[in-house]
Amino acid sequence: MEATGRTARTTANKRNTEQDLITRPPRVKTQPRRCRYNGLSMIAHLCGKLLAKHPNQAIVETGGVGYDVVISVPTFSDLPALGTEVSLHIHTHVREDLIALYGFLRPSEKLLFEKLITVSGIGPKLAVTILSGMAADEMVRAIRGNDITRLTRIPGIGKKTAERMVLELRDKLPEPGPASAPAIPPMNATEEDVLSALFNLGYQRPAAEKALAVVTKNGKAGTFDALFRETLAALSK
């Protein structure tokens, strides 16, 4: 009887296995889904109310969400007043531990930023520093003209980095427009002292010079303290 029972169970198991082979769909080996963040532009443009602005940061509210955007000094200098609408061209930079937005008022500045971060040794933060230290057209002329000396005047750029910029970007950048004459008149000793104090506070030269020029043009020049306060107030607007 025991042998008969084992035979019956074996027959039943075989029948079940055959039935599974008929009804169960074949297994298909699938490839894991790949995240393509770096191949896609997650946010390319941002338009909304300007909530805050600093020489390296802007906060833009759109759809009830405030976006923290990294900006260069030239972009900061040309931003409108707080509470008004602003439109920024955005480069979305994604890493495993960070998603950062880099904003630009002009498409040409965004294009130059994206060219800079392709250079070996230049990341997004350094690229913003480079854009803050030299006007875009002047930088393009320096790169195309193999002007290493001028490029090394930018804070954070040494000779080797400048040489890589020239080597890797010289033939990839469009011909810049004609150079324009400097618009900033010569400064007196008090104005130079004000600029030096602003540099010590972390302000970049283009933004500080522009704010100082606005203050002196409006006839608010005077003692160092008065001129410094007026210029600092202009930078904070």
C-alpha atoms as a PDB file:
ATOM      1  CA  MET A   1       0.000   0.000   0.000  1.00  0.00           C
ATOM      2  CA  GLU A   2       2.887   2.400   0.839  1.00  0.00           C
ATOM      3  CA  ALA A   3       4.531   1.819  -2.568  1.00  0.00           C
ATOM      4  CA  THR A   4       1.198   2.401  -4.274  1.00  0.00           C
ATOM      5  CA  GLY A   5       0.815   5.718  -2.391  1.00  0.00           C
ATOM      6  CA  ARG A   6       4.257   6.940  -3.429  1.00  0.00           C
ATOM      7  CA  THR A   7       3.513   6.061  -7.060  1.00  0.00           C
ATOM      8  CA  ALA A   8       0.264   8.003  -6.923  1.00  0.00           C
ATOM      9  CA  ARG A   9       1.986  11.085  -5.427  1.00  0.00           C
ATOM     10  CA  THR A  10       4.763  10.935  -8.048  1.00  0.00           C
ATOM     11  CA  THR A  11       2.195  10.733 -10.839  1.00  0.00           C
ATOM     12  CA  ALA A  12       0.271  13.701  -9.378  1.00  0.00           C
ATOM     13  CA  ASN A  13       3.422  15.825  -9.048  1.00  0.00           C
ATOM     14  CA  LYS A  14       4.417  15.075 -12.620  1.00  0.00           C
ATOM     15  CA  ARG A  15       0.932  16.023 -13.809  1.00  0.00           C
ATOM     16  CA  ASN A  16       1.098  19.342 -11.891  1.00  0.00           C
ATOM     17  CA  THR A  17       4.544  20.143 -13.311  1.00  0.00           C
ATOM     18  CA  GLU A  18       3.348  19.540 -16.847  1.00  0.00           C
ATOM     19  CA  GLN A  19       0.295  21.729 -16.224  1.00  0.00           C
ATOM     20  CA  ASP A  20       2.545  24.559 -14.909  1.00  0.00           C
ATOM     21  CA  LEU A  21       4.689  24.402 -18.019  1.00  0.00           C
ATOM     22  CA  ILE A  22       1.592  24.814 -20.170  1.00  0.00           C
ATOM     23  CA  THR A  23      -0.047  27.665 -18.228  1.00  0.00           C
ATOM     24  CA  ARG A  24       2.938  29.573 -16.836  1.00  0.00           C
ATOM     25  CA  PRO A  25       4.293  32.224 -19.257  1.00  0.00           C
ATOM     26  CA  PRO A  26       7.997  31.998 -20.086  1.00  0.00           C
ATOM     27  CA  ARG A  27      10.298  34.209 -18.064  1.00  0.00           C
ATOM     28  CA  VAL A  28      11.784  37.113 -19.948  1.00  0.00           C
ATOM     29  CA  LYS A  29      15.097  38.500 -18.770  1.00  0.00           C
ATOM     30  CA  THR A  30      14.729  42.260 -18.462  1.00  0.00           C
ATOM     31  CA  GLN A  31      17.374  44.935 -18.258  1.00  0.00           C
ATOM     32  CA  PRO A  32      17.263  47.310 -15.261  1.00  0.00           C
ATOM     33  CA  ARG A  33      15.824  50.740 -15.991  1.00  0.00           C
ATOM     34  CA  ARG A  34      18.514  53.374 -16.331  1.00  0.00           C
ATOM     35  CA  CYS A  35      18.119  56.851 -14.922  1.00  0.00           C
ATOM     36  CA  ARG A  36      18.954  59.390 -17.633  1.00  0.00           C
ATOM     37  CA  TYR A  37      18.944  62.591 -15.580  1.00  0.00           C
ATOM     38  CA  ASN A  38      22.189  63.838 -17.088  1.00  0.00           C
ATOM     39  CA  GLY A  39      20.908  63.220 -20.604  1.00  0.00           C
ATOM     40  CA  LEU A  40      17.759  65.262 -20.108  1.00  0.00           C
ATOM     41  CA  SER A  41      17.183  68.903 -19.257  1.00  0.00           C
ATOM     42  CA  MET A  42      14.817  68.570 -16.295  1.00  0.00           C
ATOM     43  CA  ILE A  43      14.200  72.325 -15.953  1.00  0.00           C
ATOM     44  CA  ALA A  44      15.267  74.501 -18.874  1.00  0.00           C
ATOM     45  CA  HIS A  45      13.422  77.737 -18.124  1.00  0.00           C
ATOM     46  CA  LEU A  46      11.976  79.377 -15.037  1.00  0.00           C
ATOM     47  CA  CYS A  47       9.589  82.307 -14.942  1.00  0.00           C
ATOM     48  CA  GLY A  48       8.104  83.717 -11.755  1.00  0.00           C
ATOM     49  CA  LYS A  49       8.311  86.289  -8.938  1.00  0.00           C
ATOM     50  CA  LEU A  50      11.754  87.209  -7.658  1.00  0.00           C
ATOM     51  CA  LEU A  51      11.649  86.648  -3.888  1.00  0.00           C
ATOM     52  CA  ALA A  52      15.328  87.159  -3.048  1.00  0.00           C
ATOM     53  CA  LYS A  53      18.601  87.936  -4.783  1.00  0.00           C
ATOM     54  CA  HIS A  54      22.239  87.841  -3.773  1.00  0.00           C
ATOM     55  CA  PRO A  55      25.467  87.942  -5.824  1.00  0.00           C
ATOM     56  CA  ASN A  56      25.407  84.143  -6.174  1.00  0.00           C
ATOM     57  CA  GLN A  57      21.766  83.233  -5.526  1.00  0.00           C
ATOM     58  CA  ALA A  58      18.214  84.035  -6.585  1.00  0.00           C
ATOM     59  CA  ILE A  59      14.965  82.585  -5.281  1.00  0.00           C
ATOM     60  CA  VAL A  60      12.158  82.514  -7.825  1.00  0.00           C
ATOM     61  CA  GLU A  61       8.586  81.577  -6.921  1.00  0.00           C
ATOM     62  CA  THR A  62       6.412  79.915  -9.510  1.00  0.00           C
ATOM     63  CA  GLY A  63       3.311  77.812  -8.920  1.00  0.00           C
ATOM     64  CA  GLY A  64       3.600  78.323  -5.177  1.00  0.00           C
ATOM     65  CA  VAL A  65       7.122  76.811  -5.087  1.00  0.00           C
ATOM     66  CA  GLY A  66      10.294  78.784  -4.440  1.00  0.00           C
ATOM     67  CA  TYR A  67      13.261  77.622  -6.518  1.00  0.00           C
ATOM     68  CA  ASP A  68      16.792  78.234  -5.242  1.00  0.00           C
ATOM     69  CA  VAL A  69      18.891  79.174  -8.281  1.00  0.00           C
ATOM     70  CA  VAL A  70      22.659  79.670  -8.436  1.00  0.00           C
ATOM     71  CA  ILE A  71      23.526  82.754 -10.492  1.00  0.00           C
ATOM     72  CA  SER A  72      26.620  84.627 -11.635  1.00  0.00           C
ATOM     73  CA  VAL A  73      27.425  88.219 -10.717  1.00  0.00           C
ATOM     74  CA  PRO A  74      26.511  89.579 -14.194  1.00  0.00           C
ATOM     75  CA  THR A  75      23.080  87.949 -13.874  1.00  0.00           C
ATOM     76  CA  PHE A  76      22.685  89.332 -10.339  1.00  0.00           C
ATOM     77  CA  SER A  77      23.591  92.833 -11.505  1.00  0.00           C
ATOM     78  CA  ASP A  78      20.853  92.812 -14.163  1.00  0.00           C
ATOM     79  CA  LEU A  79      18.059  91.232 -12.107  1.00  0.00           C
ATOM     80  CA  PRO A  80      14.895  93.340 -11.670  1.00  0.00           C
ATOM     81  CA  ALA A  81      13.602  94.587  -8.334  1.00  0.00           C
ATOM     82  CA  LEU A  82      12.340  92.142  -5.727  1.00  0.00           C
ATOM     83  CA  GLY A  83       8.694  91.197  -6.139  1.00  0.00           C
ATOM     84  CA  THR A  84       8.710  91.625  -9.913  1.00  0.00           C
ATOM     85  CA  GLU A  85       8.635  88.860 -12.499  1.00  0.00           C
ATOM     86  CA  VAL A  86      11.886  87.425 -13.766  1.00  0.00           C
ATOM     87  CA  SER A  87      12.675  84.912 -16.493  1.00  0.00           C
ATOM     88  CA  LEU A  88      15.793  82.738 -16.252  1.00  0.00           C
ATOM     89  CA  HIS A  89      17.350  80.232 -18.615  1.00  0.00           C
ATOM     90  CA  ILE A  90      18.157  77.196 -16.462  1.00  0.00           C
ATOM     91  CA  HIS A  91      20.830  74.525 -16.542  1.00  0.00           C
ATOM     92  CA  THR A  92      19.858  71.601 -14.283  1.00  0.00           C
ATOM     93  CA  HIS A  93      22.875  69.855 -12.817  1.00  0.00           C
ATOM     94  CA  VAL A  94      22.224  66.433 -11.293  1.00  0.00           C
ATOM     95  CA  ARG A  95      24.478  64.310  -9.131  1.00  0.00           C
ATOM     96  CA  GLU A  96      23.698  61.308  -6.964  1.00  0.00           C
ATOM     97  CA  ASP A  97      23.371  63.507  -3.887  1.00  0.00           C
ATOM     98  CA  LEU A  98      22.361  66.873  -5.374  1.00  0.00           C
ATOM     99  CA  ILE A  99      20.111  68.597  -7.890  1.00  0.00           C
ATOM    100  CA  ALA A 100      21.185  72.199  -8.513  1.00  0.00           C
ATOM    101  CA  LEU A 101      19.700  74.889 -10.758  1.00  0.00           C
ATOM    102  CA  TYR A 102      21.977  77.411 -12.472  1.00  0.00           C
ATOM    103  CA  GLY A 103      20.193  80.444 -13.911  1.00  0.00           C
ATOM    104  CA  PHE A 104      21.115  82.998 -16.573  1.00  0.00           C
ATOM    105  CA  LEU A 105      19.314  86.015 -17.999  1.00  0.00           C
ATOM    106  CA  ARG A 106      20.982  85.622 -21.389  1.00  0.00           C
ATOM    107  CA  PRO A 107      21.111  82.408 -23.455  1.00  0.00           C
ATOM    108  CA  SER A 108      24.678  83.241 -24.525  1.00  0.00           C
ATOM    109  CA  GLU A 109      25.867  83.154 -20.909  1.00  0.00           C
ATOM    110  CA  LYS A 110      24.166  79.804 -20.352  1.00  0.00           C
ATOM    111  CA  LEU A 111      25.827  78.432 -23.494  1.00  0.00           C
ATOM    112  CA  LEU A 112      29.251  79.594 -22.308  1.00  0.00           C
ATOM    113  CA  PHE A 113      28.606  78.038 -18.872  1.00  0.00           C
ATOM    114  CA  GLU A 114      27.751  74.706 -20.499  1.00  0.00           C
ATOM    115  CA  LYS A 115      30.931  74.888 -22.584  1.00  0.00           C
ATOM    116  CA  LEU A 116      33.032  75.652 -19.517  1.00  0.00           C
ATOM    117  CA  ILE A 117      31.831  72.629 -17.538  1.00  0.00           C
ATOM    118  CA  THR A 118      32.983  70.344 -20.350  1.00  0.00           C
ATOM    119  CA  VAL A 119      36.581  71.383 -19.645  1.00  0.00           C
ATOM    120  CA  SER A 120      38.528  68.945 -17.502  1.00  0.00           C
ATOM    121  CA  GLY A 121      38.752  70.225 -13.929  1.00  0.00           C
ATOM    122  CA  ILE A 122      35.957  72.824 -14.222  1.00  0.00           C
ATOM    123  CA  GLY A 123      32.734  72.047 -12.392  1.00  0.00           C
ATOM    124  CA  PRO A 124      29.566  74.158 -12.183  1.00  0.00           C
ATOM    125  CA  LYS A 125      30.691  76.171  -9.143  1.00  0.00           C
ATOM    126  CA  LEU A 126      34.002  77.127 -10.725  1.00  0.00           C
ATOM    127  CA  ALA A 127      32.243  77.912 -14.009  1.00  0.00           C
ATOM    128  CA  VAL A 128      29.994  80.419 -12.190  1.00  0.00           C
ATOM    129  CA  THR A 129      33.070  81.955 -10.549  1.00  0.00           C
ATOM    130  CA  ILE A 130      34.709  82.280 -13.972  1.00  0.00           C
ATOM    131  CA  LEU A 131      31.636  83.977 -15.440  1.00  0.00           C
ATOM    132  CA  SER A 132      31.569  86.337 -12.451  1.00  0.00           C
ATOM    133  CA  GLY A 133      35.200  87.315 -12.908  1.00  0.00           C
ATOM    134  CA  MET A 134      35.167  88.332 -16.564  1.00  0.00           C
ATOM    135  CA  ALA A 135      32.604  89.526 -19.106  1.00  0.00           C
ATOM    136  CA  ALA A 136      31.483  86.746 -21.439  1.00  0.00           C
ATOM    137  CA  ASP A 137      32.605  88.457 -24.674  1.00  0.00           C
ATOM    138  CA  GLU A 138      36.005  89.296 -23.179  1.00  0.00           C
ATOM    139  CA  MET A 139      36.439  85.699 -22.040  1.00  0.00           C
ATOM    140  CA  VAL A 140      35.579  84.325 -25.475  1.00  0.00           C
ATOM    141  CA  ARG A 141      38.141  86.661 -27.059  1.00  0.00           C
ATOM    142  CA  ALA A 142      40.764  85.578 -24.543  1.00  0.00           C
ATOM    143  CA  ILE A 143      40.112  81.887 -25.171  1.00  0.00           C
ATOM    144  CA  ARG A 144      40.072  82.217 -28.951  1.00  0.00           C
ATOM    145  CA  GLY A 145      43.142  84.455 -28.830  1.00  0.00           C
ATOM    146  CA  ASN A 146      45.119  82.071 -26.606  1.00  0.00           C
ATOM    147  CA  ASP A 147      45.468  84.844 -24.004  1.00  0.00           C
ATOM    148  CA  ILE A 148      46.523  82.765 -20.984  1.00  0.00           C
ATOM    149  CA  THR A 149      47.647  85.835 -19.019  1.00  0.00           C
ATOM    150  CA  ARG A 150      44.219  87.447 -19.150  1.00  0.00           C
ATOM    151  CA  LEU A 151      42.436  84.218 -18.209  1.00  0.00           C
ATOM    152  CA  THR A 152      44.642  83.699 -15.147  1.00  0.00           C
ATOM    153  CA  ARG A 153      43.426  87.043 -13.784  1.00  0.00           C
ATOM    154  CA  ILE A 154      40.079  85.378 -13.088  1.00  0.00           C
ATOM    155  CA  PRO A 155      39.837  84.272  -9.417  1.00  0.00           C
ATOM    156  CA  GLY A 156      40.311  80.514  -9.110  1.00  0.00           C
ATOM    157  CA  ILE A 157      41.946  80.072 -12.518  1.00  0.00           C
ATOM    158  CA  GLY A 158      45.570  78.985 -12.628  1.00  0.00           C
ATOM    159  CA  LYS A 159      47.819  78.607 -15.639  1.00  0.00           C
ATOM    160  CA  LYS A 160      47.031  74.921 -16.197  1.00  0.00           C
ATOM    161  CA  THR A 161      43.267  75.477 -16.082  1.00  0.00           C
ATOM    162  CA  ALA A 162      43.572  78.454 -18.437  1.00  0.00           C
ATOM    163  CA  GLU A 163      45.593  76.342 -20.862  1.00  0.00           C
ATOM    164  CA  ARG A 164      42.935  73.604 -20.785  1.00  0.00           C
ATOM    165  CA  MET A 165      40.223  76.204 -21.452  1.00  0.00           C
ATOM    166  CA  VAL A 166      42.082  77.391 -24.529  1.00  0.00           C
ATOM    167  CA  LEU A 167      42.929  73.894 -25.750  1.00  0.00           C
ATOM    168  CA  GLU A 168      39.438  72.447 -25.330  1.00  0.00           C
ATOM    169  CA  LEU A 169      37.242  75.458 -26.197  1.00  0.00           C
ATOM    170  CA  ARG A 170      39.171  77.576 -28.702  1.00  0.00           C
ATOM    171  CA  ASP A 171      37.496  76.010 -31.736  1.00  0.00           C
ATOM    172  CA  LYS A 172      34.097  75.514 -30.075  1.00  0.00           C
ATOM    173  CA  LEU A 173      33.191  79.118 -29.276  1.00  0.00           C
ATOM    174  CA  PRO A 174      31.581  81.550 -31.730  1.00  0.00           C
ATOM    175  CA  GLU A 175      33.363  84.730 -32.757  1.00  0.00           C
ATOM    176  CA  PRO A 176      32.470  87.457 -30.213  1.00  0.00           C
ATOM    177  CA  GLY A 177      31.180  90.870 -31.163  1.00  0.00           C
ATOM    178  CA  PRO A 178      33.487  93.895 -31.382  1.00  0.00           C
ATOM    179  CA  ALA A 179      35.048  94.975 -28.103  1.00  0.00           C
ATOM    180  CA  SER A 180      33.480  98.003 -26.494  1.00  0.00           C
ATOM    181  CA  ALA A 181      35.361 100.737 -24.681  1.00  0.00           C
ATOM    182  CA  PRO A 182      35.179 100.676 -20.896  1.00  0.00           C
ATOM    183  CA  ALA A 183      32.225 102.687 -19.634  1.00  0.00           C
ATOM    184  CA  ILE A 184      33.532 103.227 -16.108  1.00  0.00           C
ATOM    185  CA  PRO A 185      35.344 106.552 -15.577  1.00  0.00           C
ATOM    186  CA  PRO A 186      38.532 106.825 -13.507  1.00  0.00           C
ATOM    187  CA  MET A 187      37.952 106.575  -9.742  1.00  0.00           C
ATOM    188  CA  ASN A 188      39.233 108.772  -6.961  1.00  0.00           C
ATOM    189  CA  ALA A 189      40.896 107.457  -3.799  1.00  0.00           C
ATOM    190  CA  THR A 190      37.633 107.317  -1.808  1.00  0.00           C
ATOM    191  CA  GLU A 191      35.888 105.269  -4.494  1.00  0.00           C
ATOM    192  CA  GLU A 192      38.834 102.891  -4.665  1.00  0.00           C
ATOM    193  CA  ASP A 193      38.605 102.414  -0.891  1.00  0.00           C
ATOM    194  CA  VAL A 194      34.895 101.664  -1.154  1.00  0.00           C
ATOM    195  CA  LEU A 195      35.570  99.047  -3.830  1.00  0.00           C
ATOM    196  CA  SER A 196      38.290  97.467  -1.711  1.00  0.00           C
ATOM    197  CA  ALA A 197      35.927  97.241   1.263  1.00  0.00           C
ATOM    198  CA  LEU A 198      33.242  95.620  -0.905  1.00  0.00           C
ATOM    199  CA  PHE A 199      35.756  93.067  -2.217  1.00  0.00           C
ATOM    200  CA  ASN A 200      36.635  92.175   1.362  1.00  0.00           C
ATOM    201  CA  LEU A 201      32.939  91.510   2.003  1.00  0.00           C
ATOM    202  CA  GLY A 202      32.874  89.011  -0.878  1.00  0.00           C
ATOM    203  CA  TYR A 203      31.356  91.132  -3.646  1.00  0.00           C
ATOM    204  CA  GLN A 204      32.763  90.602  -7.137  1.00  0.00           C
ATOM    205  CA  ARG A 205      34.295  93.482  -9.071  1.00  0.00           C
ATOM    206  CA  PRO A 206      31.670  93.775 -11.880  1.00  0.00           C
ATOM    207  CA  ALA A 207      28.740  94.106  -9.459  1.00  0.00           C
ATOM    208  CA  ALA A 208      30.606  96.443  -7.081  1.00  0.00           C
ATOM    209  CA  GLU A 209      31.795  98.734  -9.869  1.00  0.00           C
ATOM    210  CA  LYS A 210      28.330  98.928 -11.407  1.00  0.00           C
ATOM    211  CA  ALA A 211      26.657  99.782  -8.090  1.00  0.00           C
ATOM    212  CA  LEU A 212      29.308 102.392  -7.301  1.00  0.00           C
ATOM    213  CA  ALA A 213      28.883 103.979 -10.731  1.00  0.00           C
ATOM    214  CA  VAL A 214      25.117 104.262 -10.175  1.00  0.00           C
ATOM    215  CA  VAL A 215      25.600 105.915  -6.781  1.00  0.00           C
ATOM    216  CA  THR A 216      28.176 108.442  -7.997  1.00  0.00           C
ATOM    217  CA  LYS A 217      26.117 109.211 -11.122  1.00  0.00           C
ATOM    218  CA  ASN A 218      23.172 110.147  -8.906  1.00  0.00           C
ATOM    219  CA  GLY A 219      25.346 112.692  -7.115  1.00  0.00           C
ATOM    220  CA  LYS A 220      25.479 110.799  -3.826  1.00  0.00           C
ATOM    221  CA  ALA A 221      29.257 110.890  -3.537  1.00  0.00           C
ATOM    222  CA  GLY A 222      30.739 112.164  -0.288  1.00  0.00           C
ATOM    223  CA  THR A 223      32.649 110.732   2.612  1.00  0.00           C
ATOM    224  CA  PHE A 224      33.808 107.133   2.622  1.00  0.00           C
ATOM    225  CA  ASP A 225      31.098 106.070   5.100  1.00  0.00           C
ATOM    226  CA  ALA A 226      28.267 107.675   3.139  1.00  0.00           C
ATOM    227  CA  LEU A 227      29.489 106.357  -0.211  1.00  0.00           C
ATOM    228  CA  PHE A 228      30.039 102.878   1.201  1.00  0.00           C
ATOM    229  CA  ARG A 229      26.536 102.713   2.710  1.00  0.00           C
ATOM    230  CA  GLU A 230      24.867 103.973  -0.471  1.00  0.00           C
ATOM    231  CA  THR A 231      26.769 101.493  -2.634  1.00  0.00           C
ATOM    232  CA  LEU A 232      26.015  98.612  -0.271  1.00  0.00           C
ATOM    233  CA  ALA A 233      22.331  99.559  -0.356  1.00  0.00           C
ATOM    234  CA  ALA A 234      22.420  99.570  -4.177  1.00  0.00           C
ATOM    235  CA  LEU A 235      23.933  96.083  -4.204  1.00  0.00           C
ATOM    236  CA  SER A 236      21.156  94.806  -1.925  1.00  0.00           C
ATOM    237  CA  LYS A 237      18.285  96.033  -4.111  1.00  0.00           C
END
